[in-house]
Amino acid sequence: MTSRQSPQVAVVLGSKSDWEFMAAAAEVMDELKVTHEVKVLSAHRTPDQTLAYAAAAAERGIRVIIGAAGGAAALPGVLAAKTILPVIGVPMPGWALNGIDALLAIAQMPKGVPVATMAIGKPGAANAALYAAQIIALSDHELGERLRAWRAARAQEILEQKLP
């Protein structure tokens, strides 16, 4: 977590092995100075704790939840079922269909329980962090300015690329 504030974003991993990919989300949030916490919970192995965590997230100041999931990809949906906070799902690679199964599972949430779905793996994790920051920036002008500066820096990186 960055700063002294309570976390605004919760990053929930289905297992410790997801960190290899989800570290990209934490890196982006650190760059943008978005306070966050990382928790390992499983929709299947710790369902009671997962539901309790999601139900209490808003009370603790969480404004957006990012859920990483592979295989059946239940975690983002279970989190979304217990809160009205925005939930962003990031499919993890490494399963039978290398993340396509998780991508489809997250994208096919039933009406009434939306989960925003990002790309598979590290690009999806980074974009989830950016999307969470954009949501929070709707009411945080300073974060909005940091996002604009971040994007301008990425554009400048492209403009400065030289070909041989």
N, C-alpha and C. Protein backbone atom coordinates (compact mmCIF):
# COMPACT_ATOMS: atom_id res chain seq x y z
N MET A 1 0.84 -1.17 0.00
CA MET A 1 0.00 0.00 0.00
C MET A 1 0.89 1.23 0.00
N THR A 2 0.49 2.24 -0.74
CA THR A 2 1.22 3.48 -0.77
C THR A 2 0.60 4.45 0.22
N SER A 3 1.36 5.44 0.65
CA SER A 3 0.85 6.54 1.45
C SER A 3 0.40 6.09 2.83
N ARG A 4 -0.17 7.06 3.60
CA ARG A 4 -0.64 6.79 4.95
C ARG A 4 -2.15 6.60 4.99
N GLN A 5 -2.85 6.83 3.90
CA GLN A 5 -4.31 6.68 3.84
C GLN A 5 -4.72 5.22 3.86
N SER A 6 -6.02 5.03 4.16
CA SER A 6 -6.55 3.67 4.02
C SER A 6 -6.61 3.33 2.54
N PRO A 7 -6.58 2.05 2.21
CA PRO A 7 -6.55 1.67 0.80
C PRO A 7 -7.85 2.01 0.07
N GLN A 8 -7.70 2.46 -1.17
CA GLN A 8 -8.85 2.77 -2.02
C GLN A 8 -9.17 1.60 -2.95
N VAL A 9 -8.17 0.79 -3.25
CA VAL A 9 -8.34 -0.34 -4.16
C VAL A 9 -7.91 -1.62 -3.45
N ALA A 10 -8.72 -2.64 -3.60
CA ALA A 10 -8.36 -3.97 -3.11
C ALA A 10 -7.99 -4.84 -4.30
N VAL A 11 -6.84 -5.46 -4.24
CA VAL A 11 -6.40 -6.42 -5.25
C VAL A 11 -6.49 -7.79 -4.59
N VAL A 12 -7.40 -8.62 -5.10
CA VAL A 12 -7.64 -9.92 -4.49
C VAL A 12 -7.18 -11.02 -5.44
N LEU A 13 -6.27 -11.86 -4.94
CA LEU A 13 -5.70 -12.95 -5.73
C LEU A 13 -6.32 -14.27 -5.27
N GLY A 14 -6.57 -15.15 -6.22
CA GLY A 14 -7.08 -16.47 -5.88
C GLY A 14 -6.02 -17.35 -5.23
N SER A 15 -4.76 -17.08 -5.52
CA SER A 15 -3.64 -17.78 -4.89
C SER A 15 -2.38 -16.93 -5.05
N LYS A 16 -1.39 -17.24 -4.25
CA LYS A 16 -0.14 -16.49 -4.27
C LYS A 16 0.52 -16.52 -5.66
N SER A 17 0.31 -17.58 -6.41
CA SER A 17 0.93 -17.70 -7.73
C SER A 17 0.44 -16.62 -8.70
N ASP A 18 -0.72 -16.02 -8.43
CA ASP A 18 -1.24 -14.95 -9.29
C ASP A 18 -0.40 -13.67 -9.20
N TRP A 19 0.37 -13.54 -8.13
CA TRP A 19 1.16 -12.32 -7.93
C TRP A 19 2.15 -12.07 -9.08
N GLU A 20 2.65 -13.14 -9.67
CA GLU A 20 3.56 -13.01 -10.82
C GLU A 20 2.98 -12.07 -11.88
N PHE A 21 1.69 -12.12 -12.06
CA PHE A 21 1.01 -11.29 -13.05
C PHE A 21 0.42 -10.02 -12.43
N MET A 22 -0.13 -10.14 -11.24
CA MET A 22 -0.84 -9.01 -10.63
C MET A 22 0.07 -7.95 -10.03
N ALA A 23 1.36 -8.26 -9.91
CA ALA A 23 2.30 -7.24 -9.45
C ALA A 23 2.26 -6.02 -10.38
N ALA A 24 1.92 -6.24 -11.65
CA ALA A 24 1.83 -5.13 -12.60
C ALA A 24 0.76 -4.12 -12.17
N ALA A 25 -0.32 -4.59 -11.55
CA ALA A 25 -1.36 -3.68 -11.05
C ALA A 25 -0.81 -2.84 -9.90
N ALA A 26 -0.12 -3.47 -8.99
CA ALA A 26 0.44 -2.73 -7.85
C ALA A 26 1.48 -1.71 -8.31
N GLU A 27 2.27 -2.07 -9.30
CA GLU A 27 3.28 -1.13 -9.82
C GLU A 27 2.63 0.12 -10.39
N VAL A 28 1.56 -0.05 -11.17
CA VAL A 28 0.86 1.10 -11.75
C VAL A 28 0.24 1.94 -10.64
N MET A 29 -0.38 1.30 -9.66
CA MET A 29 -0.99 2.06 -8.57
C MET A 29 0.05 2.80 -7.74
N ASP A 30 1.21 2.17 -7.54
CA ASP A 30 2.29 2.87 -6.84
C ASP A 30 2.72 4.11 -7.63
N GLU A 31 2.87 3.96 -8.94
CA GLU A 31 3.25 5.09 -9.80
C GLU A 31 2.25 6.23 -9.70
N LEU A 32 0.97 5.89 -9.66
CA LEU A 32 -0.09 6.90 -9.62
C LEU A 32 -0.45 7.34 -8.20
N LYS A 33 0.22 6.75 -7.21
CA LYS A 33 -0.03 7.05 -5.80
C LYS A 33 -1.48 6.74 -5.40
N VAL A 34 -1.97 5.59 -5.86
CA VAL A 34 -3.29 5.10 -5.47
C VAL A 34 -3.08 4.11 -4.34
N THR A 35 -3.69 4.38 -3.20
CA THR A 35 -3.51 3.47 -2.07
C THR A 35 -4.25 2.16 -2.35
N HIS A 36 -3.62 1.06 -1.97
CA HIS A 36 -4.18 -0.25 -2.27
C HIS A 36 -3.68 -1.30 -1.28
N GLU A 37 -4.40 -2.40 -1.24
CA GLU A 37 -3.99 -3.55 -0.45
C GLU A 37 -4.11 -4.78 -1.32
N VAL A 38 -3.34 -5.81 -0.97
CA VAL A 38 -3.37 -7.07 -1.71
C VAL A 38 -3.74 -8.17 -0.72
N LYS A 39 -4.68 -9.01 -1.14
CA LYS A 39 -5.18 -10.07 -0.27
C LYS A 39 -5.30 -11.35 -1.09
N VAL A 40 -5.00 -12.49 -0.49
CA VAL A 40 -5.21 -13.78 -1.12
C VAL A 40 -6.45 -14.42 -0.50
N LEU A 41 -7.45 -14.63 -1.34
CA LEU A 41 -8.70 -15.29 -0.93
C LEU A 41 -9.17 -16.15 -2.10
N SER A 42 -9.87 -17.20 -1.80
CA SER A 42 -10.33 -18.10 -2.86
C SER A 42 -11.84 -18.24 -2.81
N ALA A 43 -12.47 -18.12 -3.97
CA ALA A 43 -13.91 -18.31 -4.05
C ALA A 43 -14.30 -19.73 -3.66
N HIS A 44 -13.41 -20.69 -3.92
CA HIS A 44 -13.71 -22.10 -3.65
C HIS A 44 -13.14 -22.61 -2.33
N ARG A 45 -11.95 -22.16 -1.96
CA ARG A 45 -11.29 -22.70 -0.76
C ARG A 45 -11.55 -21.88 0.49
N THR A 46 -11.87 -20.58 0.34
CA THR A 46 -12.19 -19.73 1.50
C THR A 46 -13.45 -18.91 1.19
N PRO A 47 -14.55 -19.55 0.85
CA PRO A 47 -15.73 -18.80 0.42
C PRO A 47 -16.30 -17.87 1.50
N ASP A 48 -16.34 -18.31 2.73
CA ASP A 48 -16.90 -17.46 3.80
C ASP A 48 -16.07 -16.20 3.99
N GLN A 49 -14.75 -16.35 4.03
CA GLN A 49 -13.87 -15.21 4.21
C GLN A 49 -13.93 -14.27 3.00
N THR A 50 -14.04 -14.85 1.81
CA THR A 50 -14.11 -14.04 0.59
C THR A 50 -15.38 -13.20 0.58
N LEU A 51 -16.50 -13.80 0.91
CA LEU A 51 -17.77 -13.08 0.96
C LEU A 51 -17.75 -11.99 2.03
N ALA A 52 -17.19 -12.30 3.20
CA ALA A 52 -17.12 -11.31 4.27
C ALA A 52 -16.21 -10.14 3.88
N TYR A 53 -15.11 -10.45 3.23
CA TYR A 53 -14.19 -9.40 2.78
C TYR A 53 -14.88 -8.45 1.81
N ALA A 54 -15.58 -9.00 0.81
CA ALA A 54 -16.27 -8.17 -0.17
C ALA A 54 -17.38 -7.36 0.48
N ALA A 55 -18.12 -7.97 1.40
CA ALA A 55 -19.23 -7.28 2.05
C ALA A 55 -18.76 -6.09 2.88
N ALA A 56 -17.57 -6.18 3.46
CA ALA A 56 -17.06 -5.12 4.34
C ALA A 56 -16.15 -4.12 3.62
N ALA A 57 -15.86 -4.34 2.36
CA ALA A 57 -14.87 -3.51 1.66
C ALA A 57 -15.25 -2.03 1.63
N ALA A 58 -16.47 -1.72 1.28
CA ALA A 58 -16.88 -0.31 1.18
C ALA A 58 -16.78 0.39 2.53
N GLU A 59 -17.16 -0.29 3.60
CA GLU A 59 -17.07 0.29 4.94
C GLU A 59 -15.64 0.66 5.31
N ARG A 60 -14.70 -0.07 4.77
CA ARG A 60 -13.29 0.18 5.08
C ARG A 60 -12.67 1.23 4.17
N GLY A 61 -13.44 1.79 3.23
CA GLY A 61 -12.93 2.83 2.35
C GLY A 61 -12.49 2.36 0.98
N ILE A 62 -12.61 1.07 0.72
CA ILE A 62 -12.28 0.54 -0.61
C ILE A 62 -13.28 1.13 -1.60
N ARG A 63 -12.79 1.57 -2.77
CA ARG A 63 -13.66 2.15 -3.78
C ARG A 63 -13.77 1.29 -5.03
N VAL A 64 -12.78 0.43 -5.25
CA VAL A 64 -12.77 -0.48 -6.41
C VAL A 64 -12.07 -1.77 -5.98
N ILE A 65 -12.58 -2.90 -6.46
CA ILE A 65 -11.95 -4.20 -6.20
C ILE A 65 -11.47 -4.77 -7.52
N ILE A 66 -10.24 -5.26 -7.52
CA ILE A 66 -9.68 -5.97 -8.67
C ILE A 66 -9.52 -7.43 -8.24
N GLY A 67 -10.12 -8.34 -9.00
CA GLY A 67 -10.04 -9.76 -8.68
C GLY A 67 -9.31 -10.51 -9.77
N ALA A 68 -8.28 -11.25 -9.40
CA ALA A 68 -7.53 -12.08 -10.34
C ALA A 68 -8.07 -13.50 -10.27
N ALA A 69 -8.26 -14.13 -11.42
CA ALA A 69 -8.82 -15.47 -11.40
C ALA A 69 -8.40 -16.28 -12.61
N GLY A 70 -8.14 -17.54 -12.36
CA GLY A 70 -7.83 -18.47 -13.44
C GLY A 70 -8.86 -19.58 -13.46
N GLY A 71 -8.76 -20.45 -14.42
CA GLY A 71 -9.65 -21.61 -14.49
C GLY A 71 -11.11 -21.22 -14.53
N ALA A 72 -11.85 -21.58 -13.50
CA ALA A 72 -13.28 -21.29 -13.44
C ALA A 72 -13.57 -19.81 -13.26
N ALA A 73 -12.57 -19.05 -12.83
CA ALA A 73 -12.66 -17.58 -12.71
C ALA A 73 -13.82 -17.12 -11.84
N ALA A 74 -14.09 -17.82 -10.75
CA ALA A 74 -15.22 -17.48 -9.89
C ALA A 74 -14.96 -16.28 -9.00
N LEU A 75 -13.70 -16.00 -8.67
CA LEU A 75 -13.41 -14.98 -7.66
C LEU A 75 -14.00 -13.60 -7.97
N PRO A 76 -13.79 -13.02 -9.15
CA PRO A 76 -14.37 -11.69 -9.39
C PRO A 76 -15.90 -11.68 -9.26
N GLY A 77 -16.56 -12.71 -9.72
CA GLY A 77 -18.01 -12.77 -9.62
C GLY A 77 -18.50 -12.91 -8.19
N VAL A 78 -17.81 -13.71 -7.39
CA VAL A 78 -18.18 -13.86 -5.98
C VAL A 78 -17.99 -12.53 -5.25
N LEU A 79 -16.89 -11.84 -5.53
CA LEU A 79 -16.68 -10.52 -4.93
C LEU A 79 -17.79 -9.56 -5.33
N ALA A 80 -18.14 -9.54 -6.61
CA ALA A 80 -19.17 -8.64 -7.12
C ALA A 80 -20.54 -8.96 -6.53
N ALA A 81 -20.78 -10.23 -6.20
CA ALA A 81 -22.07 -10.63 -5.67
C ALA A 81 -22.35 -10.05 -4.29
N LYS A 82 -21.31 -9.65 -3.57
CA LYS A 82 -21.47 -9.18 -2.19
C LYS A 82 -21.23 -7.68 -2.01
N THR A 83 -21.07 -6.93 -3.09
CA THR A 83 -20.81 -5.50 -2.96
C THR A 83 -21.37 -4.76 -4.17
N ILE A 84 -21.63 -3.48 -3.99
CA ILE A 84 -22.01 -2.66 -5.14
C ILE A 84 -20.81 -1.87 -5.65
N LEU A 85 -19.63 -2.10 -5.06
CA LEU A 85 -18.42 -1.46 -5.57
C LEU A 85 -18.11 -1.98 -6.96
N PRO A 86 -17.45 -1.18 -7.81
CA PRO A 86 -17.02 -1.71 -9.10
C PRO A 86 -15.99 -2.83 -8.88
N VAL A 87 -16.16 -3.91 -9.61
CA VAL A 87 -15.23 -5.04 -9.56
C VAL A 87 -14.66 -5.22 -10.96
N ILE A 88 -13.34 -5.35 -11.02
CA ILE A 88 -12.63 -5.54 -12.28
C ILE A 88 -11.97 -6.91 -12.23
N GLY A 89 -12.25 -7.75 -13.22
CA GLY A 89 -11.68 -9.08 -13.27
C GLY A 89 -10.48 -9.15 -14.19
N VAL A 90 -9.45 -9.84 -13.75
CA VAL A 90 -8.25 -10.05 -14.56
C VAL A 90 -8.04 -11.56 -14.71
N PRO A 91 -8.22 -12.08 -15.92
CA PRO A 91 -8.00 -13.52 -16.14
C PRO A 91 -6.52 -13.88 -16.04
N MET A 92 -6.24 -14.99 -15.39
CA MET A 92 -4.87 -15.45 -15.23
C MET A 92 -4.55 -16.53 -16.27
N PRO A 93 -3.36 -16.46 -16.86
CA PRO A 93 -2.93 -17.52 -17.79
C PRO A 93 -2.50 -18.75 -17.01
N GLY A 94 -2.19 -19.80 -17.74
CA GLY A 94 -1.61 -20.96 -17.09
C GLY A 94 -2.56 -22.12 -16.85
N TRP A 95 -3.78 -21.98 -17.22
CA TRP A 95 -4.74 -23.07 -17.06
C TRP A 95 -4.86 -23.82 -18.37
N ALA A 96 -5.84 -24.68 -18.48
CA ALA A 96 -5.99 -25.55 -19.64
C ALA A 96 -6.01 -24.77 -20.95
N LEU A 97 -6.66 -23.64 -20.96
CA LEU A 97 -6.77 -22.85 -22.19
C LEU A 97 -5.94 -21.56 -22.12
N ASN A 98 -4.94 -21.55 -21.27
CA ASN A 98 -4.01 -20.43 -21.12
C ASN A 98 -4.69 -19.09 -20.85
N GLY A 99 -5.76 -19.12 -20.09
CA GLY A 99 -6.44 -17.89 -19.69
C GLY A 99 -7.69 -17.58 -20.47
N ILE A 100 -7.87 -18.22 -21.62
CA ILE A 100 -9.08 -17.99 -22.41
C ILE A 100 -10.31 -18.45 -21.62
N ASP A 101 -10.18 -19.57 -20.91
CA ASP A 101 -11.29 -20.06 -20.09
C ASP A 101 -11.70 -19.03 -19.04
N ALA A 102 -10.72 -18.44 -18.36
CA ALA A 102 -11.00 -17.43 -17.34
C ALA A 102 -11.57 -16.16 -17.96
N LEU A 103 -11.02 -15.76 -19.10
CA LEU A 103 -11.52 -14.58 -19.80
C LEU A 103 -13.00 -14.72 -20.11
N LEU A 104 -13.37 -15.85 -20.68
CA LEU A 104 -14.76 -16.08 -21.04
C LEU A 104 -15.66 -16.16 -19.80
N ALA A 105 -15.18 -16.80 -18.75
CA ALA A 105 -15.98 -16.93 -17.54
C ALA A 105 -16.25 -15.56 -16.91
N ILE A 106 -15.23 -14.71 -16.86
CA ILE A 106 -15.42 -13.38 -16.26
C ILE A 106 -16.32 -12.53 -17.14
N ALA A 107 -16.14 -12.61 -18.44
CA ALA A 107 -16.92 -11.79 -19.36
C ALA A 107 -18.39 -12.20 -19.41
N GLN A 108 -18.70 -13.43 -19.01
CA GLN A 108 -20.07 -13.93 -19.10
C GLN A 108 -20.83 -13.87 -17.78
N MET A 109 -20.61 -12.83 -17.00
CA MET A 109 -21.36 -12.68 -15.75
C MET A 109 -22.83 -12.48 -16.06
N PRO A 110 -23.72 -13.01 -15.19
CA PRO A 110 -25.15 -12.86 -15.43
C PRO A 110 -25.62 -11.42 -15.19
N LYS A 111 -26.71 -11.08 -15.82
CA LYS A 111 -27.31 -9.76 -15.64
C LYS A 111 -27.51 -9.51 -14.15
N GLY A 112 -27.11 -8.34 -13.71
CA GLY A 112 -27.28 -7.96 -12.31
C GLY A 112 -26.02 -8.05 -11.47
N VAL A 113 -25.00 -8.73 -11.97
CA VAL A 113 -23.73 -8.86 -11.23
C VAL A 113 -22.59 -8.55 -12.19
N PRO A 114 -22.41 -7.26 -12.54
CA PRO A 114 -21.39 -6.93 -13.53
C PRO A 114 -19.97 -7.02 -12.98
N VAL A 115 -19.07 -7.44 -13.85
CA VAL A 115 -17.64 -7.43 -13.58
C VAL A 115 -16.97 -6.92 -14.85
N ALA A 116 -16.23 -5.83 -14.75
CA ALA A 116 -15.45 -5.35 -15.89
C ALA A 116 -14.36 -6.38 -16.16
N THR A 117 -14.10 -6.68 -17.42
CA THR A 117 -13.15 -7.74 -17.76
C THR A 117 -11.96 -7.16 -18.52
N MET A 118 -10.77 -7.44 -18.05
CA MET A 118 -9.55 -6.97 -18.68
C MET A 118 -8.90 -8.10 -19.47
N ALA A 119 -7.78 -7.79 -20.09
CA ALA A 119 -7.00 -8.76 -20.85
C ALA A 119 -6.36 -9.78 -19.91
N ILE A 120 -5.88 -10.86 -20.47
CA ILE A 120 -5.24 -11.93 -19.71
C ILE A 120 -3.85 -11.50 -19.25
N GLY A 121 -3.54 -11.78 -17.99
CA GLY A 121 -2.20 -11.62 -17.46
C GLY A 121 -1.77 -10.20 -17.15
N LYS A 122 -0.45 -9.95 -17.30
CA LYS A 122 0.14 -8.66 -16.91
C LYS A 122 -0.49 -7.45 -17.58
N PRO A 123 -0.76 -7.48 -18.90
CA PRO A 123 -1.40 -6.31 -19.51
C PRO A 123 -2.77 -6.02 -18.89
N GLY A 124 -3.51 -7.08 -18.59
CA GLY A 124 -4.81 -6.90 -17.96
C GLY A 124 -4.68 -6.36 -16.55
N ALA A 125 -3.67 -6.80 -15.82
CA ALA A 125 -3.44 -6.31 -14.46
C ALA A 125 -3.12 -4.82 -14.47
N ALA A 126 -2.24 -4.41 -15.38
CA ALA A 126 -1.89 -2.99 -15.48
C ALA A 126 -3.11 -2.17 -15.87
N ASN A 127 -3.88 -2.66 -16.84
CA ASN A 127 -5.08 -1.93 -17.26
C ASN A 127 -6.14 -1.90 -16.17
N ALA A 128 -6.23 -2.94 -15.38
CA ALA A 128 -7.18 -2.94 -14.25
C ALA A 128 -6.83 -1.83 -13.27
N ALA A 129 -5.54 -1.67 -13.00
CA ALA A 129 -5.11 -0.60 -12.10
C ALA A 129 -5.43 0.77 -12.70
N LEU A 130 -5.19 0.92 -13.99
CA LEU A 130 -5.50 2.20 -14.65
C LEU A 130 -7.01 2.47 -14.63
N TYR A 131 -7.80 1.44 -14.88
CA TYR A 131 -9.25 1.59 -14.87
C TYR A 131 -9.75 1.95 -13.47
N ALA A 132 -9.21 1.29 -12.46
CA ALA A 132 -9.56 1.62 -11.08
C ALA A 132 -9.22 3.08 -10.78
N ALA A 133 -8.05 3.51 -11.22
CA ALA A 133 -7.63 4.90 -11.01
C ALA A 133 -8.57 5.87 -11.73
N GLN A 134 -9.01 5.51 -12.93
CA GLN A 134 -9.94 6.36 -13.66
C GLN A 134 -11.26 6.49 -12.92
N ILE A 135 -11.74 5.41 -12.34
CA ILE A 135 -12.98 5.45 -11.58
C ILE A 135 -12.82 6.38 -10.38
N ILE A 136 -11.74 6.22 -9.66
CA ILE A 136 -11.50 7.05 -8.47
C ILE A 136 -11.28 8.50 -8.86
N ALA A 137 -10.64 8.73 -10.00
CA ALA A 137 -10.35 10.10 -10.46
C ALA A 137 -11.62 10.88 -10.79
N LEU A 138 -12.75 10.22 -10.93
CA LEU A 138 -14.01 10.94 -11.15
C LEU A 138 -14.29 11.91 -10.00
N SER A 139 -13.79 11.57 -8.81
CA SER A 139 -14.00 12.44 -7.65
C SER A 139 -12.69 12.87 -6.99
N ASP A 140 -11.58 12.65 -7.65
CA ASP A 140 -10.26 13.01 -7.11
C ASP A 140 -9.47 13.73 -8.20
N HIS A 141 -9.55 15.05 -8.18
CA HIS A 141 -8.92 15.87 -9.22
C HIS A 141 -7.41 15.63 -9.31
N GLU A 142 -6.75 15.51 -8.17
CA GLU A 142 -5.29 15.31 -8.18
C GLU A 142 -4.91 13.99 -8.86
N LEU A 143 -5.68 12.95 -8.59
CA LEU A 143 -5.42 11.67 -9.26
C LEU A 143 -5.66 11.82 -10.75
N GLY A 144 -6.68 12.55 -11.14
CA GLY A 144 -6.94 12.79 -12.56
C GLY A 144 -5.75 13.45 -13.24
N GLU A 145 -5.13 14.40 -12.56
CA GLU A 145 -3.94 15.07 -13.11
C GLU A 145 -2.77 14.09 -13.22
N ARG A 146 -2.61 13.21 -12.23
CA ARG A 146 -1.54 12.22 -12.30
C ARG A 146 -1.79 11.24 -13.45
N LEU A 147 -3.03 10.88 -13.69
CA LEU A 147 -3.36 10.01 -14.82
C LEU A 147 -3.04 10.69 -16.14
N ARG A 148 -3.40 11.97 -16.27
CA ARG A 148 -3.09 12.70 -17.50
C ARG A 148 -1.58 12.74 -17.73
N ALA A 149 -0.83 13.00 -16.68
CA ALA A 149 0.63 13.06 -16.79
C ALA A 149 1.19 11.68 -17.15
N TRP A 150 0.63 10.63 -16.55
CA TRP A 150 1.08 9.28 -16.85
C TRP A 150 0.88 8.95 -18.32
N ARG A 151 -0.29 9.29 -18.83
CA ARG A 151 -0.57 9.04 -20.25
C ARG A 151 0.31 9.88 -21.16
N ALA A 152 0.53 11.11 -20.78
CA ALA A 152 1.40 11.99 -21.59
C ALA A 152 2.82 11.42 -21.64
N ALA A 153 3.28 10.87 -20.53
CA ALA A 153 4.62 10.26 -20.50
C ALA A 153 4.68 9.05 -21.42
N ARG A 154 3.62 8.24 -21.45
CA ARG A 154 3.59 7.08 -22.35
C ARG A 154 3.61 7.54 -23.80
N ALA A 155 2.88 8.61 -24.12
CA ALA A 155 2.87 9.14 -25.48
C ALA A 155 4.25 9.65 -25.85
N GLN A 156 4.91 10.32 -24.93
CA GLN A 156 6.25 10.85 -25.19
C GLN A 156 7.24 9.73 -25.45
N GLU A 157 7.11 8.63 -24.72
CA GLU A 157 7.97 7.47 -24.93
C GLU A 157 7.86 6.97 -26.37
N ILE A 158 6.65 6.94 -26.91
CA ILE A 158 6.45 6.51 -28.30
C ILE A 158 7.08 7.50 -29.27
N LEU A 159 6.84 8.76 -29.04
CA LEU A 159 7.37 9.81 -29.94
C LEU A 159 8.89 9.84 -29.95
N GLU A 160 9.52 9.42 -28.88
CA GLU A 160 10.98 9.46 -28.80
C GLU A 160 11.65 8.19 -29.33
N GLN A 161 10.85 7.20 -29.72
CA GLN A 161 11.44 5.97 -30.26
C GLN A 161 12.08 6.25 -31.61
N LYS A 162 13.26 5.70 -31.79
CA LYS A 162 14.03 5.87 -33.03
C LYS A 162 14.13 4.54 -33.76
N LEU A 163 14.02 4.60 -35.03
CA LEU A 163 14.22 3.40 -35.84
C LEU A 163 15.68 3.37 -36.33
N PRO A 164 16.19 2.19 -36.58
CA PRO A 164 17.59 2.10 -37.04
C PRO A 164 17.78 2.74 -38.41
